[in-house]
Amino acid sequence: MIPVRYELTFTHDIFVAIVPGPSGTIWTSQCGGTYCAHPEIEGHLYPLPLDWLPDPDPLQDAWASHAECGERQHLLAREFLDKSGMFPCALDLDYEDRWGEAWIPVVLPRKTKDINPIIAQLTGARAILTYYNSD
């Protein structure tokens, strides 16, 4: 089966978690602000509430790998996750590709107590958080 590529850039007002794995769909989105990167990942897409997106975006124009970015980008990612108020998740430090604005690798919590039912089925999963980014 040939995977289908789906470009999220053309879909306004989205916030999703993509859990990597065989799905037949490769997702991509314009990311990294003015870097205009288009990373791709095959997986399953889970819509998240738009009110979980922080405004303004602390990661605006950020785009680097963990090795390249240094502490500042990690702090901005933590700020993004804290401000979103969505759920307690951690930055995925094992993710080896470039990441930043609109492409954030996370590990979702394993704990299910007090977790939002929207993501309860994803506990413990690695995921990419992505959202509309019109830079």
Protein backbone atom coordinates (compact mmCIF):
# COMPACT_ATOMS: atom_id res chain seq x y z
CA MET A 1 0.00 0.00 0.00
CA ILE A 2 1.32 3.42 -0.95
CA PRO A 3 0.87 5.90 1.92
CA VAL A 4 -1.24 8.99 1.35
CA ARG A 5 0.41 12.34 2.12
CA TYR A 6 -1.77 14.93 3.80
CA GLU A 7 -0.65 18.55 4.13
CA LEU A 8 -2.11 20.16 7.25
CA THR A 9 -0.92 23.63 6.21
CA PHE A 10 -4.04 24.18 4.17
CA THR A 11 -6.32 23.35 7.08
CA HIS A 12 -6.85 26.46 9.19
CA ASP A 13 -7.44 26.37 12.92
CA ILE A 14 -6.12 22.95 13.83
CA PHE A 15 -4.32 21.53 16.84
CA VAL A 16 -3.56 17.81 16.70
CA ALA A 17 -1.43 15.07 18.20
CA ILE A 18 0.07 12.64 15.68
CA VAL A 19 1.08 9.31 17.18
CA PRO A 20 3.73 7.68 14.97
CA GLY A 21 3.01 4.25 13.55
CA PRO A 22 1.79 2.44 10.45
CA SER A 23 -1.42 4.11 9.32
CA GLY A 24 -1.19 4.54 5.56
CA THR A 25 -1.17 8.34 6.06
CA ILE A 26 1.90 10.57 6.15
CA TRP A 27 1.17 13.91 7.80
CA THR A 28 3.09 17.12 7.19
CA SER A 29 2.64 20.75 8.09
CA GLN A 30 4.51 23.98 7.48
CA CYS A 31 6.52 24.44 10.69
CA GLY A 32 9.33 26.42 12.23
CA GLY A 33 7.90 29.84 11.46
CA THR A 34 9.94 31.62 8.80
CA TYR A 35 12.11 28.50 8.33
CA CYS A 36 9.11 27.09 6.42
CA ALA A 37 10.08 23.49 7.17
CA HIS A 38 7.78 20.64 6.10
CA PRO A 39 8.58 17.64 8.32
CA GLU A 40 6.64 14.41 7.75
CA ILE A 41 5.52 11.55 9.96
CA GLU A 42 3.37 8.51 9.36
CA GLY A 43 0.83 7.93 12.09
CA HIS A 44 -2.62 8.43 13.53
CA LEU A 45 -4.00 11.94 13.98
CA TYR A 46 -6.00 12.96 17.06
CA PRO A 47 -7.71 16.40 17.08
CA LEU A 48 -7.17 18.52 20.18
CA PRO A 49 -9.21 21.55 21.35
CA LEU A 50 -8.03 24.84 19.88
CA ASP A 51 -8.30 26.54 23.27
CA TRP A 52 -5.31 24.41 24.36
CA LEU A 53 -3.05 26.45 22.05
CA PRO A 54 -1.15 29.22 23.85
CA ASP A 55 -1.35 32.67 22.31
CA PRO A 56 1.15 34.08 21.62
CA ASP A 57 3.20 31.01 20.69
CA PRO A 58 6.39 30.88 22.81
CA LEU A 59 8.07 28.81 20.07
CA GLN A 60 7.49 31.33 17.29
CA ASP A 61 10.23 30.93 14.63
CA ALA A 62 12.06 28.21 16.60
CA TRP A 63 13.45 25.34 14.47
CA ALA A 64 16.40 23.09 15.43
CA SER A 65 17.33 19.60 16.64
CA HIS A 66 17.90 18.92 20.34
CA ALA A 67 21.63 18.96 19.68
CA GLU A 68 21.44 22.32 17.90
CA CYS A 69 18.88 24.22 19.92
CA GLY A 70 20.37 24.48 23.36
CA GLU A 71 18.55 25.26 26.57
CA ARG A 72 16.57 28.26 25.28
CA GLN A 73 14.41 26.24 22.86
CA HIS A 74 13.82 23.60 25.55
CA LEU A 75 12.63 26.33 27.93
CA LEU A 76 10.34 27.76 25.24
CA ALA A 77 8.90 24.28 24.60
CA ARG A 78 8.25 23.83 28.33
CA GLU A 79 6.57 27.27 28.37
CA PHE A 80 4.39 26.20 25.41
CA LEU A 81 3.37 23.01 27.21
CA ASP A 82 2.76 24.81 30.52
CA LYS A 83 0.72 27.64 28.95
CA SER A 84 -1.40 25.29 26.88
CA GLY A 85 -2.95 23.87 30.02
CA MET A 86 -3.80 20.77 28.04
CA PHE A 87 -2.14 17.97 29.99
CA PRO A 88 1.10 17.17 31.74
CA CYS A 89 3.41 15.91 29.03
CA ALA A 90 7.15 16.04 28.53
CA LEU A 91 9.30 17.09 25.63
CA ASP A 92 10.53 13.93 23.85
CA LEU A 93 14.30 14.26 24.21
CA ASP A 94 14.85 11.08 22.16
CA TYR A 95 13.35 12.71 19.04
CA GLU A 96 16.30 13.17 16.67
CA ASP A 97 14.92 15.39 13.91
CA ARG A 98 14.49 19.16 13.90
CA TRP A 99 11.51 20.55 15.80
CA GLY A 100 10.09 23.84 17.03
CA GLU A 101 7.15 26.06 16.18
CA ALA A 102 4.17 23.91 15.15
CA TRP A 103 6.06 20.56 15.41
CA ILE A 104 6.69 19.59 19.03
CA PRO A 105 7.76 16.04 19.96
CA VAL A 106 6.24 14.98 23.28
CA VAL A 107 5.77 11.94 25.48
CA LEU A 108 2.26 11.80 26.88
CA PRO A 109 1.85 10.90 30.55
CA ARG A 110 1.31 7.30 31.61
CA LYS A 111 -0.79 8.33 34.58
CA THR A 112 -4.51 8.33 33.86
CA LYS A 113 -5.78 9.96 37.06
CA ASP A 114 -7.01 13.49 36.38
CA ILE A 115 -6.10 13.25 32.70
CA ASN A 116 -8.30 14.93 30.14
CA PRO A 117 -10.58 12.31 28.53
CA ILE A 118 -9.68 13.67 25.08
CA ILE A 119 -6.20 12.18 25.36
CA ALA A 120 -6.85 9.33 27.82
CA GLN A 121 -6.48 6.74 25.03
CA LEU A 122 -2.99 8.09 24.25
CA THR A 123 -1.41 7.72 27.68
CA GLY A 124 2.27 6.84 27.48
CA ALA A 125 2.48 7.45 23.73
CA ARG A 126 5.07 9.48 21.89
CA ALA A 127 3.43 12.10 19.69
CA ILE A 128 4.03 15.18 17.60
CA LEU A 129 1.91 18.20 18.48
CA THR A 130 1.25 20.34 15.43
CA TYR A 131 -1.01 23.25 14.63
CA TYR A 132 -1.76 25.75 11.91
CA ASN A 133 1.20 28.01 11.25
CA SER A 134 0.81 30.60 8.51
CA ASP A 135 4.31 32.17 8.50
